[in-house]
Amino acid sequence: MSTIVLHTDARSPYGWACALIADEKGVPFEIVGVDVASPAHRRLHPFGKMPVLQHGEVIVYEALAIAHYIDRAFAGPVLQPLDPLNQARMLTAMSVVNAYCFPTMNGLIKERTAGLWRDTPTDPAVVESFVAPLTLQLEIFEESLSRHPFLVGEHLSLADLFLLPHLHLASATPEGATALGHAPSTAAWLAHMRARPSFDRTNPYSTV
């Protein structure tokens, strides 16, 4: 029986990130698909987004808040640094994922797969527009990961689990693979994260 419910599309990178966090924490969870336009979902998330966490009577929306709640509400491995500086570094990395990586990586993936969801083919100019920001993002992560195994020091944190779905998916594009080729420590980090049992247990693309 699940301890928490994640209302989300299983293939949402943020839904997947929350599932990864729950798995790493050892918290049983269930994923329930959503219609974000439905009145029922609007009662869970006033802006009609996902994921939403339900824990008994508790409802938490926005992935950053969900991640924090799962880590603090349950026993298990601590996924946030305890010292203020590394806590700030973790939140910075998560904010970078939210504000910069998601628009870039998600936009790149959608443009590369345009033929699957719209009538016009991939636009090379749009694809090219994502190359510079993607390169900068990986340079930032490379600086951290060249010095230690995880984004914030020696231990896995919420920041690693936030980034993993986005970068895993973006790496399947030619542009993502090229960018990773210039960021060897980040590429090694991605391989290490993919080797964690939580990756296979939660990967919504594993049967594709």
C-alpha atoms as a PDB file:
ATOM      1  CA  MET A   1       0.000   0.000   0.000  1.00  0.00           C
ATOM      2  CA  SER A   2       1.410   3.380  -0.975  1.00  0.00           C
ATOM      3  CA  THR A   3       2.365   5.950   1.644  1.00  0.00           C
ATOM      4  CA  ILE A   4       2.111   8.855  -0.802  1.00  0.00           C
ATOM      5  CA  VAL A   5       0.353   9.465  -4.091  1.00  0.00           C
ATOM      6  CA  LEU A   6       1.975  11.470  -6.876  1.00  0.00           C
ATOM      7  CA  HIS A   7      -0.645  12.973  -9.176  1.00  0.00           C
ATOM      8  CA  THR A   8       1.301  13.363 -12.411  1.00  0.00           C
ATOM      9  CA  ASP A   9       1.991  12.074 -15.869  1.00  0.00           C
ATOM     10  CA  ALA A  10       4.538   9.320 -15.219  1.00  0.00           C
ATOM     11  CA  ARG A  11       6.721  10.676 -18.059  1.00  0.00           C
ATOM     12  CA  SER A  12       6.872  14.204 -16.699  1.00  0.00           C
ATOM     13  CA  PRO A  13      10.497  14.905 -15.739  1.00  0.00           C
ATOM     14  CA  TYR A  14       9.308  16.538 -12.536  1.00  0.00           C
ATOM     15  CA  GLY A  15       6.987  13.657 -11.719  1.00  0.00           C
ATOM     16  CA  TRP A  16       9.893  11.317 -12.329  1.00  0.00           C
ATOM     17  CA  ALA A  17      12.174  13.424 -10.113  1.00  0.00           C
ATOM     18  CA  CYS A  18       9.684  13.175  -7.256  1.00  0.00           C
ATOM     19  CA  ALA A  19       9.427   9.412  -7.782  1.00  0.00           C
ATOM     20  CA  LEU A  20      13.230   9.158  -7.679  1.00  0.00           C
ATOM     21  CA  ILE A  21      13.313  11.094  -4.417  1.00  0.00           C
ATOM     22  CA  ALA A  22      10.644   8.883  -2.860  1.00  0.00           C
ATOM     23  CA  ASP A  23      12.467   5.745  -3.990  1.00  0.00           C
ATOM     24  CA  GLU A  24      15.830   6.937  -2.681  1.00  0.00           C
ATOM     25  CA  LYS A  25      14.134   7.839   0.590  1.00  0.00           C
ATOM     26  CA  GLY A  26      12.446   4.439   0.818  1.00  0.00           C
ATOM     27  CA  VAL A  27       8.934   5.905   0.775  1.00  0.00           C
ATOM     28  CA  PRO A  28       6.294   3.746  -0.961  1.00  0.00           C
ATOM     29  CA  PHE A  29       4.451   5.735  -3.613  1.00  0.00           C
ATOM     30  CA  GLU A  30       1.802   5.429  -6.274  1.00  0.00           C
ATOM     31  CA  ILE A  31       1.569   7.446  -9.462  1.00  0.00           C
ATOM     32  CA  VAL A  32      -1.925   8.477 -10.488  1.00  0.00           C
ATOM     33  CA  GLY A  33      -2.391   9.984 -13.938  1.00  0.00           C
ATOM     34  CA  VAL A  34      -4.026  13.377 -14.201  1.00  0.00           C
ATOM     35  CA  ASP A  35      -6.068  15.555 -16.500  1.00  0.00           C
ATOM     36  CA  VAL A  36      -4.553  18.920 -15.641  1.00  0.00           C
ATOM     37  CA  ALA A  37      -7.548  20.772 -17.098  1.00  0.00           C
ATOM     38  CA  SER A  38     -10.100  18.965 -14.947  1.00  0.00           C
ATOM     39  CA  PRO A  39     -11.846  20.650 -12.007  1.00  0.00           C
ATOM     40  CA  ALA A  40     -10.692  17.779  -9.787  1.00  0.00           C
ATOM     41  CA  HIS A  41      -7.044  18.487 -10.544  1.00  0.00           C
ATOM     42  CA  ARG A  42      -7.557  22.239 -10.180  1.00  0.00           C
ATOM     43  CA  ARG A  43      -8.646  21.543  -6.625  1.00  0.00           C
ATOM     44  CA  LEU A  44      -5.230  19.947  -6.047  1.00  0.00           C
ATOM     45  CA  HIS A  45      -3.166  22.502  -7.961  1.00  0.00           C
ATOM     46  CA  PRO A  46      -4.764  25.911  -8.549  1.00  0.00           C
ATOM     47  CA  PHE A  47      -2.593  26.529 -11.628  1.00  0.00           C
ATOM     48  CA  GLY A  48      -3.369  23.179 -13.209  1.00  0.00           C
ATOM     49  CA  LYS A  49       0.224  21.895 -13.163  1.00  0.00           C
ATOM     50  CA  MET A  50       1.870  18.687 -12.003  1.00  0.00           C
ATOM     51  CA  PRO A  51       3.057  16.892  -9.989  1.00  0.00           C
ATOM     52  CA  VAL A  52       0.974  17.082  -6.826  1.00  0.00           C
ATOM     53  CA  LEU A  53       1.762  15.025  -3.731  1.00  0.00           C
ATOM     54  CA  GLN A  54      -0.990  13.601  -1.555  1.00  0.00           C
ATOM     55  CA  HIS A  55      -0.098  12.197   1.858  1.00  0.00           C
ATOM     56  CA  GLY A  56      -3.297  11.416   3.700  1.00  0.00           C
ATOM     57  CA  GLU A  57      -4.999  14.775   4.080  1.00  0.00           C
ATOM     58  CA  VAL A  58      -1.848  16.681   3.162  1.00  0.00           C
ATOM     59  CA  ILE A  59      -1.621  18.136  -0.360  1.00  0.00           C
ATOM     60  CA  VAL A  60       1.647  19.641  -1.602  1.00  0.00           C
ATOM     61  CA  TYR A  61       2.111  21.100  -5.067  1.00  0.00           C
ATOM     62  CA  GLU A  62       5.218  22.327  -6.931  1.00  0.00           C
ATOM     63  CA  ALA A  63       8.104  19.871  -7.313  1.00  0.00           C
ATOM     64  CA  LEU A  64      10.544  21.869  -5.177  1.00  0.00           C
ATOM     65  CA  ALA A  65       8.137  21.794  -2.232  1.00  0.00           C
ATOM     66  CA  ILE A  66       7.293  18.127  -2.826  1.00  0.00           C
ATOM     67  CA  ALA A  67      10.985  17.201  -2.812  1.00  0.00           C
ATOM     68  CA  HIS A  68      11.531  19.049   0.469  1.00  0.00           C
ATOM     69  CA  TYR A  69       8.430  17.479   2.029  1.00  0.00           C
ATOM     70  CA  ILE A  70       9.393  13.905   1.131  1.00  0.00           C
ATOM     71  CA  ASP A  71      12.863  14.380   2.568  1.00  0.00           C
ATOM     72  CA  ARG A  72      11.707  16.021   5.792  1.00  0.00           C
ATOM     73  CA  ALA A  73       8.480  14.130   6.483  1.00  0.00           C
ATOM     74  CA  PHE A  74       9.880  10.604   6.370  1.00  0.00           C
ATOM     75  CA  ALA A  75      12.714   8.599   7.870  1.00  0.00           C
ATOM     76  CA  GLY A  76      15.469   7.393   5.589  1.00  0.00           C
ATOM     77  CA  PRO A  77      18.632   8.778   4.006  1.00  0.00           C
ATOM     78  CA  VAL A  78      18.958  12.535   4.437  1.00  0.00           C
ATOM     79  CA  LEU A  79      18.863  14.130   0.980  1.00  0.00           C
ATOM     80  CA  GLN A  80      19.603  17.726   1.960  1.00  0.00           C
ATOM     81  CA  PRO A  81      22.862  19.137   3.329  1.00  0.00           C
ATOM     82  CA  LEU A  82      22.588  20.272   6.927  1.00  0.00           C
ATOM     83  CA  ASP A  83      25.026  23.186   6.733  1.00  0.00           C
ATOM     84  CA  PRO A  84      23.710  26.511   5.403  1.00  0.00           C
ATOM     85  CA  LEU A  85      26.247  26.948   2.598  1.00  0.00           C
ATOM     86  CA  ASN A  86      25.715  23.553   1.007  1.00  0.00           C
ATOM     87  CA  GLN A  87      21.961  23.883   1.523  1.00  0.00           C
ATOM     88  CA  ALA A  88      22.175  27.121  -0.453  1.00  0.00           C
ATOM     89  CA  ARG A  89      24.254  25.405  -3.130  1.00  0.00           C
ATOM     90  CA  MET A  90      21.690  22.629  -3.415  1.00  0.00           C
ATOM     91  CA  LEU A  91      18.846  25.131  -3.776  1.00  0.00           C
ATOM     92  CA  THR A  92      20.857  27.064  -6.355  1.00  0.00           C
ATOM     93  CA  ALA A  93      21.327  23.920  -8.443  1.00  0.00           C
ATOM     94  CA  MET A  94      17.619  23.081  -8.179  1.00  0.00           C
ATOM     95  CA  SER A  95      16.701  26.626  -9.183  1.00  0.00           C
ATOM     96  CA  VAL A  96      19.018  26.358 -12.187  1.00  0.00           C
ATOM     97  CA  VAL A  97      17.186  23.188 -13.208  1.00  0.00           C
ATOM     98  CA  ASN A  98      13.811  24.901 -12.849  1.00  0.00           C
ATOM     99  CA  ALA A  99      14.598  28.253 -14.420  1.00  0.00           C
ATOM    100  CA  TYR A 100      17.122  27.338 -17.099  1.00  0.00           C
ATOM    101  CA  CYS A 101      17.560  23.596 -17.704  1.00  0.00           C
ATOM    102  CA  PHE A 102      13.889  22.738 -18.019  1.00  0.00           C
ATOM    103  CA  PRO A 103      13.086  25.368 -20.684  1.00  0.00           C
ATOM    104  CA  THR A 104      16.242  24.477 -22.616  1.00  0.00           C
ATOM    105  CA  MET A 105      16.227  20.703 -22.339  1.00  0.00           C
ATOM    106  CA  ASN A 106      12.482  20.276 -22.625  1.00  0.00           C
ATOM    107  CA  GLY A 107      12.376  22.692 -25.551  1.00  0.00           C
ATOM    108  CA  LEU A 108      15.178  20.817 -27.302  1.00  0.00           C
ATOM    109  CA  ILE A 109      13.493  17.447 -26.801  1.00  0.00           C
ATOM    110  CA  LYS A 110      10.152  18.751 -28.073  1.00  0.00           C
ATOM    111  CA  GLU A 111      11.722  20.334 -31.136  1.00  0.00           C
ATOM    112  CA  ARG A 112      13.714  17.224 -31.940  1.00  0.00           C
ATOM    113  CA  THR A 113      10.511  15.126 -31.725  1.00  0.00           C
ATOM    114  CA  ALA A 114       8.313  17.723 -33.440  1.00  0.00           C
ATOM    115  CA  GLY A 115       7.129  15.308 -36.103  1.00  0.00           C
ATOM    116  CA  LEU A 116       5.436  13.201 -33.445  1.00  0.00           C
ATOM    117  CA  TRP A 117       3.160  15.952 -32.151  1.00  0.00           C
ATOM    118  CA  ARG A 118       2.730  18.607 -34.860  1.00  0.00           C
ATOM    119  CA  ASP A 119       2.372  18.850 -38.616  1.00  0.00           C
ATOM    120  CA  THR A 120       5.656  20.649 -39.284  1.00  0.00           C
ATOM    121  CA  PRO A 121       9.123  19.043 -39.010  1.00  0.00           C
ATOM    122  CA  THR A 122      11.960  19.942 -36.681  1.00  0.00           C
ATOM    123  CA  ASP A 123      13.183  23.505 -37.209  1.00  0.00           C
ATOM    124  CA  PRO A 124      17.011  23.537 -37.272  1.00  0.00           C
ATOM    125  CA  ALA A 125      17.101  27.193 -36.229  1.00  0.00           C
ATOM    126  CA  VAL A 126      15.055  26.460 -33.118  1.00  0.00           C
ATOM    127  CA  VAL A 127      17.270  23.500 -32.293  1.00  0.00           C
ATOM    128  CA  GLU A 128      20.358  25.677 -32.710  1.00  0.00           C
ATOM    129  CA  SER A 129      18.916  28.258 -30.326  1.00  0.00           C
ATOM    130  CA  PHE A 130      19.159  25.732 -27.497  1.00  0.00           C
ATOM    131  CA  VAL A 131      22.822  24.837 -28.049  1.00  0.00           C
ATOM    132  CA  ALA A 132      24.462  27.814 -26.314  1.00  0.00           C
ATOM    133  CA  PRO A 133      22.296  27.743 -23.171  1.00  0.00           C
ATOM    134  CA  LEU A 134      22.678  23.958 -22.902  1.00  0.00           C
ATOM    135  CA  THR A 135      26.439  24.293 -23.184  1.00  0.00           C
ATOM    136  CA  LEU A 136      26.493  26.939 -20.441  1.00  0.00           C
ATOM    137  CA  GLN A 137      24.332  24.824 -18.136  1.00  0.00           C
ATOM    138  CA  LEU A 138      26.622  21.817 -18.488  1.00  0.00           C
ATOM    139  CA  GLU A 139      29.680  24.011 -17.932  1.00  0.00           C
ATOM    140  CA  ILE A 140      28.187  25.064 -14.591  1.00  0.00           C
ATOM    141  CA  PHE A 141      27.482  21.484 -13.547  1.00  0.00           C
ATOM    142  CA  GLU A 142      30.882  20.363 -14.836  1.00  0.00           C
ATOM    143  CA  GLU A 143      32.607  22.842 -12.550  1.00  0.00           C
ATOM    144  CA  SER A 144      30.977  21.211  -9.522  1.00  0.00           C
ATOM    145  CA  LEU A 145      31.190  17.623 -10.697  1.00  0.00           C
ATOM    146  CA  SER A 146      34.862  17.871 -11.609  1.00  0.00           C
ATOM    147  CA  ARG A 147      35.563  18.470  -7.914  1.00  0.00           C
ATOM    148  CA  HIS A 148      33.240  15.960  -6.238  1.00  0.00           C
ATOM    149  CA  PRO A 149      30.961  13.057  -7.196  1.00  0.00           C
ATOM    150  CA  PHE A 150      27.626  14.798  -6.692  1.00  0.00           C
ATOM    151  CA  LEU A 151      26.330  18.265  -7.421  1.00  0.00           C
ATOM    152  CA  VAL A 152      26.747  19.320  -3.809  1.00  0.00           C
ATOM    153  CA  GLY A 153      29.788  17.551  -2.423  1.00  0.00           C
ATOM    154  CA  GLU A 154      30.284  13.927  -1.473  1.00  0.00           C
ATOM    155  CA  HIS A 155      26.676  12.900  -0.950  1.00  0.00           C
ATOM    156  CA  LEU A 156      23.580  12.478  -3.089  1.00  0.00           C
ATOM    157  CA  SER A 157      21.117  15.336  -2.673  1.00  0.00           C
ATOM    158  CA  LEU A 158      17.784  16.495  -4.008  1.00  0.00           C
ATOM    159  CA  ALA A 159      19.686  18.504  -6.629  1.00  0.00           C
ATOM    160  CA  ASP A 160      21.047  15.349  -8.291  1.00  0.00           C
ATOM    161  CA  LEU A 161      17.615  13.759  -8.412  1.00  0.00           C
ATOM    162  CA  PHE A 162      16.089  16.954  -9.798  1.00  0.00           C
ATOM    163  CA  LEU A 163      18.563  17.172 -12.656  1.00  0.00           C
ATOM    164  CA  LEU A 164      18.694  13.489 -13.592  1.00  0.00           C
ATOM    165  CA  PRO A 165      15.431  13.139 -15.590  1.00  0.00           C
ATOM    166  CA  HIS A 166      16.032  16.326 -17.575  1.00  0.00           C
ATOM    167  CA  LEU A 167      19.610  15.508 -18.523  1.00  0.00           C
ATOM    168  CA  HIS A 168      18.877  11.844 -19.197  1.00  0.00           C
ATOM    169  CA  LEU A 169      16.228  12.806 -21.742  1.00  0.00           C
ATOM    170  CA  ALA A 170      18.230  15.660 -23.267  1.00  0.00           C
ATOM    171  CA  SER A 171      21.246  13.378 -23.690  1.00  0.00           C
ATOM    172  CA  ALA A 172      19.273  11.360 -26.244  1.00  0.00           C
ATOM    173  CA  THR A 173      19.395  14.311 -28.659  1.00  0.00           C
ATOM    174  CA  PRO A 174      22.465  14.933 -30.845  1.00  0.00           C
ATOM    175  CA  GLU A 175      22.942  18.322 -29.185  1.00  0.00           C
ATOM    176  CA  GLY A 176      22.741  16.835 -25.705  1.00  0.00           C
ATOM    177  CA  ALA A 177      25.219  14.094 -26.580  1.00  0.00           C
ATOM    178  CA  THR A 178      27.624  16.649 -28.039  1.00  0.00           C
ATOM    179  CA  ALA A 179      27.378  18.900 -24.982  1.00  0.00           C
ATOM    180  CA  LEU A 180      28.040  15.945 -22.694  1.00  0.00           C
ATOM    181  CA  GLY A 181      31.065  15.081 -24.789  1.00  0.00           C
ATOM    182  CA  HIS A 182      32.594  18.359 -23.651  1.00  0.00           C
ATOM    183  CA  ALA A 183      31.644  17.756 -20.004  1.00  0.00           C
ATOM    184  CA  PRO A 184      33.282  14.460 -19.024  1.00  0.00           C
ATOM    185  CA  SER A 185      32.640  14.740 -15.302  1.00  0.00           C
ATOM    186  CA  THR A 186      28.960  15.427 -15.949  1.00  0.00           C
ATOM    187  CA  ALA A 187      28.803  12.484 -18.348  1.00  0.00           C
ATOM    188  CA  ALA A 188      30.374  10.273 -15.670  1.00  0.00           C
ATOM    189  CA  TRP A 189      27.872  11.592 -13.112  1.00  0.00           C
ATOM    190  CA  LEU A 190      24.999  10.750 -15.476  1.00  0.00           C
ATOM    191  CA  ALA A 191      26.297   7.205 -15.952  1.00  0.00           C
ATOM    192  CA  HIS A 192      26.629   6.819 -12.176  1.00  0.00           C
ATOM    193  CA  MET A 193      23.102   8.099 -11.572  1.00  0.00           C
ATOM    194  CA  ARG A 194      21.699   5.757 -14.229  1.00  0.00           C
ATOM    195  CA  ALA A 195      23.383   2.863 -12.414  1.00  0.00           C
ATOM    196  CA  ARG A 196      21.541   3.564  -9.159  1.00  0.00           C
ATOM    197  CA  PRO A 197      18.704   1.079  -8.487  1.00  0.00           C
ATOM    198  CA  SER A 198      16.249   3.961  -8.133  1.00  0.00           C
ATOM    199  CA  PHE A 199      16.751   4.853 -11.797  1.00  0.00           C
ATOM    200  CA  ASP A 200      15.544   1.494 -13.093  1.00  0.00           C
ATOM    201  CA  ARG A 201      12.792   1.230 -10.501  1.00  0.00           C
ATOM    202  CA  THR A 202      11.263   4.577 -11.450  1.00  0.00           C
ATOM    203  CA  ASN A 203      12.197   5.032 -15.129  1.00  0.00           C
ATOM    204  CA  PRO A 204       8.924   5.576 -17.016  1.00  0.00           C
ATOM    205  CA  TYR A 205      10.736   5.100 -20.341  1.00  0.00           C
ATOM    206  CA  SER A 206      12.292   1.729 -19.491  1.00  0.00           C
ATOM    207  CA  THR A 207       9.832  -0.238 -21.640  1.00  0.00           C
ATOM    208  CA  VAL A 208      10.047   2.116 -24.619  1.00  0.00           C
END
